[in-house]
N, C-alpha and C. Protein backbone atom coordinates (compact mmCIF):
# COMPACT_ATOMS: atom_id res chain seq x y z
N MET A 1 86.68 73.59 67.57
CA MET A 1 85.34 74.29 66.40
C MET A 1 84.09 74.52 67.87
N ALA A 2 83.31 75.87 67.61
CA ALA A 2 82.57 76.08 68.53
C ALA A 2 81.23 74.81 68.26
N GLN A 3 80.41 74.76 68.98
CA GLN A 3 79.13 74.32 68.52
C GLN A 3 78.02 75.00 69.12
N VAL A 4 77.03 75.31 68.56
CA VAL A 4 75.69 76.04 69.00
C VAL A 4 74.45 74.94 69.53
N PRO A 5 74.22 74.68 70.60
CA PRO A 5 73.43 73.79 70.84
C PRO A 5 72.15 74.14 70.28
N ASP A 6 71.57 73.09 70.18
CA ASP A 6 69.70 73.35 69.07
C ASP A 6 68.66 73.42 70.28
N GLY A 7 67.67 73.49 69.72
CA GLY A 7 66.69 74.34 70.66
C GLY A 7 66.45 73.38 71.96
N ASP A 8 66.89 72.05 71.85
CA ASP A 8 66.59 71.33 73.32
C ASP A 8 67.73 71.27 74.05
N GLY A 9 68.93 72.08 73.80
CA GLY A 9 70.08 72.26 74.25
C GLY A 9 71.27 71.17 74.13
N ALA A 10 70.61 69.96 73.37
CA ALA A 10 71.90 69.21 72.64
C ALA A 10 72.71 69.88 71.76
N ALA A 11 73.78 69.33 71.68
CA ALA A 11 74.74 69.55 70.69
C ALA A 11 74.15 69.23 69.52
N PRO A 12 74.75 69.74 68.21
CA PRO A 12 74.21 69.58 67.17
C PRO A 12 74.96 68.36 66.46
N ALA A 13 74.38 67.67 65.52
CA ALA A 13 74.65 66.54 64.94
C ALA A 13 76.06 66.29 64.36
N ALA A 14 76.66 65.39 64.61
CA ALA A 14 78.13 65.46 64.48
C ALA A 14 78.23 65.72 63.01
N ALA A 15 77.46 65.30 62.02
CA ALA A 15 77.14 65.38 60.35
C ALA A 15 77.33 67.02 60.00
N LYS A 16 77.13 67.97 61.21
CA LYS A 16 77.15 69.03 60.91
C LYS A 16 78.43 69.74 61.06
N ARG A 17 79.25 69.10 61.74
CA ARG A 17 80.70 69.56 62.51
C ARG A 17 81.30 69.53 60.57
N LYS A 18 82.11 70.40 60.78
CA LYS A 18 83.34 70.52 59.84
C LYS A 18 84.77 70.07 60.45
N PRO A 19 85.18 68.98 59.77
CA PRO A 19 86.49 68.53 60.25
C PRO A 19 87.44 68.90 59.69
N ASP A 20 88.75 68.67 60.31
CA ASP A 20 90.16 69.42 59.60
C ASP A 20 90.17 70.81 59.59
N ALA A 21 89.85 71.67 60.50
CA ALA A 21 89.99 73.19 60.59
C ALA A 21 91.59 73.15 61.12
N LYS A 22 92.20 74.15 60.30
CA LYS A 22 93.63 74.27 60.63
C LYS A 22 93.61 74.98 61.79
N GLN A 23 94.60 74.99 62.57
CA GLN A 23 94.53 75.89 63.88
C GLN A 23 95.41 77.04 63.34
N VAL A 24 94.79 78.13 63.58
CA VAL A 24 95.92 79.52 63.47
C VAL A 24 95.49 80.29 64.76
N GLU A 25 96.74 80.96 65.10
CA GLU A 25 96.51 81.57 66.24
C GLU A 25 96.18 83.06 65.56
N LEU A 26 95.08 83.91 66.38
CA LEU A 26 94.55 85.03 65.73
C LEU A 26 95.52 85.79 65.57
N HIS A 27 96.57 86.21 66.49
CA HIS A 27 97.64 87.14 66.01
C HIS A 27 98.42 86.85 64.75
N LYS A 28 98.69 85.64 64.54
CA LYS A 28 99.40 85.46 63.43
C LYS A 28 98.77 85.52 62.29
N LEU A 29 97.41 85.01 61.86
CA LEU A 29 96.47 85.46 61.07
C LEU A 29 96.36 87.00 60.64
N LEU A 30 96.07 87.73 61.75
CA LEU A 30 95.97 89.21 61.32
C LEU A 30 97.39 89.74 60.78
N ALA A 31 98.31 89.18 61.69
CA ALA A 31 99.58 89.91 61.09
C ALA A 31 99.84 89.81 59.53
N GLU A 32 99.71 88.11 59.30
CA GLU A 32 99.85 87.95 57.62
C GLU A 32 98.75 88.73 56.89
N TYR A 33 97.51 89.15 57.36
CA TYR A 33 97.10 90.11 56.52
C TYR A 33 97.29 91.26 56.21
N THR A 34 98.10 91.85 57.46
CA THR A 34 98.42 93.38 57.48
C THR A 34 99.70 93.48 56.62
N GLY A 35 100.27 92.18 56.70
CA GLY A 35 101.69 92.17 55.87
C GLY A 35 101.50 92.16 54.29
N THR A 36 101.35 90.79 53.90
CA THR A 36 101.00 90.98 52.50
C THR A 36 99.74 90.20 52.13
N GLU A 37 98.57 90.64 51.35
CA GLU A 37 97.34 90.16 51.66
C GLU A 37 97.30 89.11 50.46
N ASP A 38 98.13 89.20 49.52
CA ASP A 38 97.97 88.39 48.60
C ASP A 38 98.63 86.62 49.11
N ARG A 39 99.67 86.83 49.77
CA ARG A 39 100.26 85.80 50.24
C ARG A 39 99.48 85.28 51.54
N ALA A 40 99.03 85.98 52.09
CA ALA A 40 97.63 85.15 52.89
C ALA A 40 96.64 85.08 52.54
N ASN A 41 96.24 85.48 51.39
CA ASN A 41 94.99 84.85 50.86
C ASN A 41 95.55 83.44 50.12
N ALA A 42 96.70 83.39 49.73
CA ALA A 42 97.01 81.85 49.51
C ALA A 42 97.38 80.89 50.31
N SER A 43 97.50 81.23 51.49
CA SER A 43 97.16 80.38 52.75
C SER A 43 96.13 79.90 53.30
N PHE A 44 95.10 81.18 53.25
CA PHE A 44 93.79 80.97 53.94
C PHE A 44 92.46 80.92 53.16
N LYS A 45 92.62 81.67 51.87
CA LYS A 45 91.41 81.81 51.33
C LYS A 45 90.77 80.66 51.05
N GLY A 46 89.41 80.54 51.16
CA GLY A 46 88.52 79.09 50.79
C GLY A 46 88.83 78.14 51.75
N LYS A 47 89.51 78.26 53.10
CA LYS A 47 89.91 77.16 53.82
C LYS A 47 89.21 77.43 55.04
N LEU A 48 88.83 75.89 55.61
CA LEU A 48 88.41 76.26 56.87
C LEU A 48 89.41 76.18 58.02
N ILE A 49 89.34 77.25 58.80
CA ILE A 49 90.43 77.61 60.04
C ILE A 49 89.75 77.55 61.09
N GLN A 50 90.46 77.42 62.24
CA GLN A 50 89.68 77.55 63.43
C GLN A 50 90.76 78.25 64.60
N THR A 51 90.23 79.15 65.35
CA THR A 51 91.23 80.37 65.94
C THR A 51 90.65 80.42 67.15
N THR A 52 90.99 81.23 68.24
CA THR A 52 90.50 81.63 69.23
C THR A 52 90.53 83.26 69.95
N GLY A 53 89.70 83.86 70.27
CA GLY A 53 89.37 85.20 70.25
C GLY A 53 88.55 85.78 70.76
N VAL A 54 88.27 87.12 71.23
CA VAL A 54 87.37 87.71 72.10
C VAL A 54 86.34 88.09 70.86
N VAL A 55 84.99 87.89 71.12
CA VAL A 55 84.02 88.63 70.23
C VAL A 55 83.62 89.70 70.63
N GLU A 56 83.84 90.65 69.69
CA GLU A 56 83.72 91.90 70.05
C GLU A 56 82.28 92.20 69.69
N ASP A 57 81.61 91.60 68.52
CA ASP A 57 80.11 92.27 68.48
C ASP A 57 79.70 90.97 67.13
N VAL A 58 78.59 91.11 67.61
CA VAL A 58 77.44 90.45 66.47
C VAL A 58 76.67 91.07 65.84
N LYS A 59 76.34 91.18 64.39
CA LYS A 59 75.47 92.10 63.72
C LYS A 59 74.81 91.33 62.67
N ARG A 60 74.46 91.99 61.72
CA ARG A 60 73.74 91.61 60.35
C ARG A 60 74.04 92.50 59.39
N ASP A 61 74.90 92.06 58.22
CA ASP A 61 75.18 92.98 57.31
C ASP A 61 74.39 93.57 56.19
N ILE A 62 74.55 93.79 55.03
CA ILE A 62 73.24 94.56 54.39
C ILE A 62 72.43 93.34 53.77
N ARG A 63 72.99 92.42 53.56
CA ARG A 63 72.35 91.29 52.68
C ARG A 63 71.69 90.34 53.91
N ASN A 64 71.50 91.02 55.19
CA ASN A 64 71.14 90.58 56.78
C ASN A 64 71.59 89.06 56.95
N THR A 65 72.84 88.90 56.62
CA THR A 65 73.94 87.68 56.92
C THR A 65 74.51 87.81 58.18
N VAL A 66 74.24 87.36 59.29
CA VAL A 66 74.86 87.34 60.89
C VAL A 66 76.60 87.22 60.58
N TYR A 67 77.13 87.89 61.19
CA TYR A 67 78.85 88.01 61.41
C TYR A 67 78.73 88.29 62.66
N MET A 68 80.30 87.73 63.14
CA MET A 68 80.62 87.80 64.36
C MET A 68 82.11 88.75 63.95
N VAL A 69 82.49 89.69 65.02
CA VAL A 69 83.79 90.22 64.52
C VAL A 69 84.47 89.68 66.22
N VAL A 70 85.64 89.25 65.98
CA VAL A 70 86.49 88.68 66.71
C VAL A 70 88.04 88.99 66.82
N GLY A 71 88.54 89.54 67.93
CA GLY A 71 89.55 90.27 68.23
C GLY A 71 90.57 89.57 69.14
N THR A 72 91.88 89.92 69.57
CA THR A 72 92.64 89.53 70.60
C THR A 72 92.51 89.76 71.82
N GLY A 73 91.52 90.56 72.02
CA GLY A 73 91.40 91.28 73.31
C GLY A 73 91.92 92.49 73.85
N LYS A 74 93.01 92.83 73.04
CA LYS A 74 93.82 93.95 73.36
C LYS A 74 92.88 95.52 73.42
N ARG A 75 92.78 96.09 74.17
CA ARG A 75 92.28 97.48 74.43
C ARG A 75 91.98 98.17 73.02
N TYR A 76 93.04 98.59 72.09
CA TYR A 76 92.90 98.82 70.78
C TYR A 76 93.35 98.44 69.85
N GLU A 77 92.45 97.61 68.90
CA GLU A 77 93.02 96.86 68.00
C GLU A 77 92.40 97.47 66.55
N GLU A 78 93.42 97.46 65.46
CA GLU A 78 93.26 98.40 64.42
C GLU A 78 92.69 97.14 63.28
N HIS A 79 93.12 95.69 63.34
CA HIS A 79 92.53 95.02 62.74
C HIS A 79 91.91 93.66 63.37
N MET A 80 90.78 92.85 63.04
CA MET A 80 90.04 92.08 63.78
C MET A 80 89.30 91.07 62.37
N LEU A 81 89.18 90.14 62.95
CA LEU A 81 88.60 88.93 62.12
C LEU A 81 87.01 89.09 61.99
N GLN A 82 86.59 89.07 60.82
CA GLN A 82 84.79 88.92 60.42
C GLN A 82 84.53 87.59 60.03
N CYS A 83 83.82 86.94 61.02
CA CYS A 83 83.28 85.29 60.64
C CYS A 83 81.91 85.53 60.55
N SER A 84 81.60 84.69 59.42
CA SER A 84 80.03 84.79 58.88
C SER A 84 79.47 83.35 59.40
N ILE A 85 78.35 83.63 59.95
CA ILE A 85 77.69 82.56 60.62
C ILE A 85 76.55 82.23 60.00
N ASP A 86 76.43 80.88 59.91
CA ASP A 86 75.40 79.96 58.78
C ASP A 86 73.90 80.65 59.39
N GLU A 87 73.18 80.14 58.46
CA GLU A 87 71.72 80.77 58.63
C GLU A 87 70.97 79.55 59.40
N ASP A 88 71.59 78.45 59.75
CA ASP A 88 71.02 77.40 60.80
C ASP A 88 71.51 77.95 62.04
N ASN A 89 72.34 78.64 62.39
CA ASN A 89 73.09 79.02 63.51
C ASN A 89 72.65 80.51 63.89
N ALA A 90 72.23 81.25 63.03
CA ALA A 90 72.03 82.77 63.14
C ALA A 90 71.22 83.21 64.13
N ASP A 91 69.90 82.32 64.34
CA ASP A 91 69.01 82.97 65.62
C ASP A 91 69.38 82.50 66.89
N THR A 92 70.46 81.52 67.01
CA THR A 92 70.78 80.92 68.10
C THR A 92 72.58 81.75 68.95
N VAL A 93 73.09 82.76 67.97
CA VAL A 93 74.11 83.16 68.18
C VAL A 93 73.85 84.56 68.95
N ALA A 94 74.35 84.63 70.14
CA ALA A 94 74.61 86.18 70.79
C ALA A 94 75.71 86.55 71.14
N ALA A 95 76.13 87.70 71.52
CA ALA A 95 77.44 87.64 71.98
C ALA A 95 77.47 87.59 73.42
N PRO A 96 78.75 87.00 73.47
CA PRO A 96 78.91 86.66 74.93
C PRO A 96 79.71 87.87 75.93
N PRO A 97 79.85 87.94 77.12
CA PRO A 97 80.66 88.90 77.61
C PRO A 97 81.99 88.95 77.10
N ARG A 98 82.40 90.40 76.89
CA ARG A 98 83.87 90.63 76.68
C ARG A 98 85.11 89.81 76.56
N GLU A 99 84.59 89.42 78.23
CA GLU A 99 85.84 88.67 78.64
C GLU A 99 86.04 87.05 78.18
N ALA A 100 85.21 86.69 77.61
CA ALA A 100 84.99 85.32 77.23
C ALA A 100 85.65 85.14 75.73
N ALA A 101 86.95 84.33 75.69
CA ALA A 101 87.29 83.65 74.53
C ALA A 101 86.52 82.64 73.93
N SER A 102 86.36 83.09 72.83
CA SER A 102 85.40 82.04 71.79
C SER A 102 86.03 81.48 70.93
N PRO A 103 86.34 80.22 70.95
CA PRO A 103 86.76 79.53 69.72
C PRO A 103 85.77 79.72 68.77
N SER A 104 86.33 80.17 67.42
CA SER A 104 85.53 80.08 66.05
C SER A 104 86.26 79.45 65.18
N ALA A 105 85.31 78.98 64.17
CA ALA A 105 85.92 77.98 63.25
C ALA A 105 85.21 78.66 61.74
N GLY A 106 85.52 78.90 60.67
CA GLY A 106 84.69 79.32 59.94
C GLY A 106 85.38 79.56 58.66
N GLU A 107 85.37 79.48 57.36
CA GLU A 107 85.87 79.81 55.88
C GLU A 107 86.58 81.20 55.63
N TRP A 108 87.81 81.48 55.68
CA TRP A 108 88.14 82.86 55.31
C TRP A 108 87.98 83.12 54.12
N ARG A 109 87.21 84.43 53.87
CA ARG A 109 86.94 85.12 52.50
C ARG A 109 87.45 86.46 52.92
N SER A 110 87.84 86.87 51.63
CA SER A 110 88.30 88.44 51.26
C SER A 110 87.94 89.00 50.30
């Protein structure tokens, strides 16, 4: 699970970590949603998952919630994962270089 350092550079307290994230390969997650969305929702919706991918973008949505778009790193991707960032970490999230693989953990919502 990725940890964002707090203001003094230290990792956040262990109490903020979300344990027991299910490890899911990003290409498999995207393939499941491309196949049968209802079946994929049964497997992932509302559950904490951890995956690794390339952060393509970091933005704010119309409700001003920060999110990042994560892909597999292929040149042309039709489907990508959108991960919401909690407000405690929103100001510290920055888009890393395209080449950097970023572990991401989050609750899957569709």
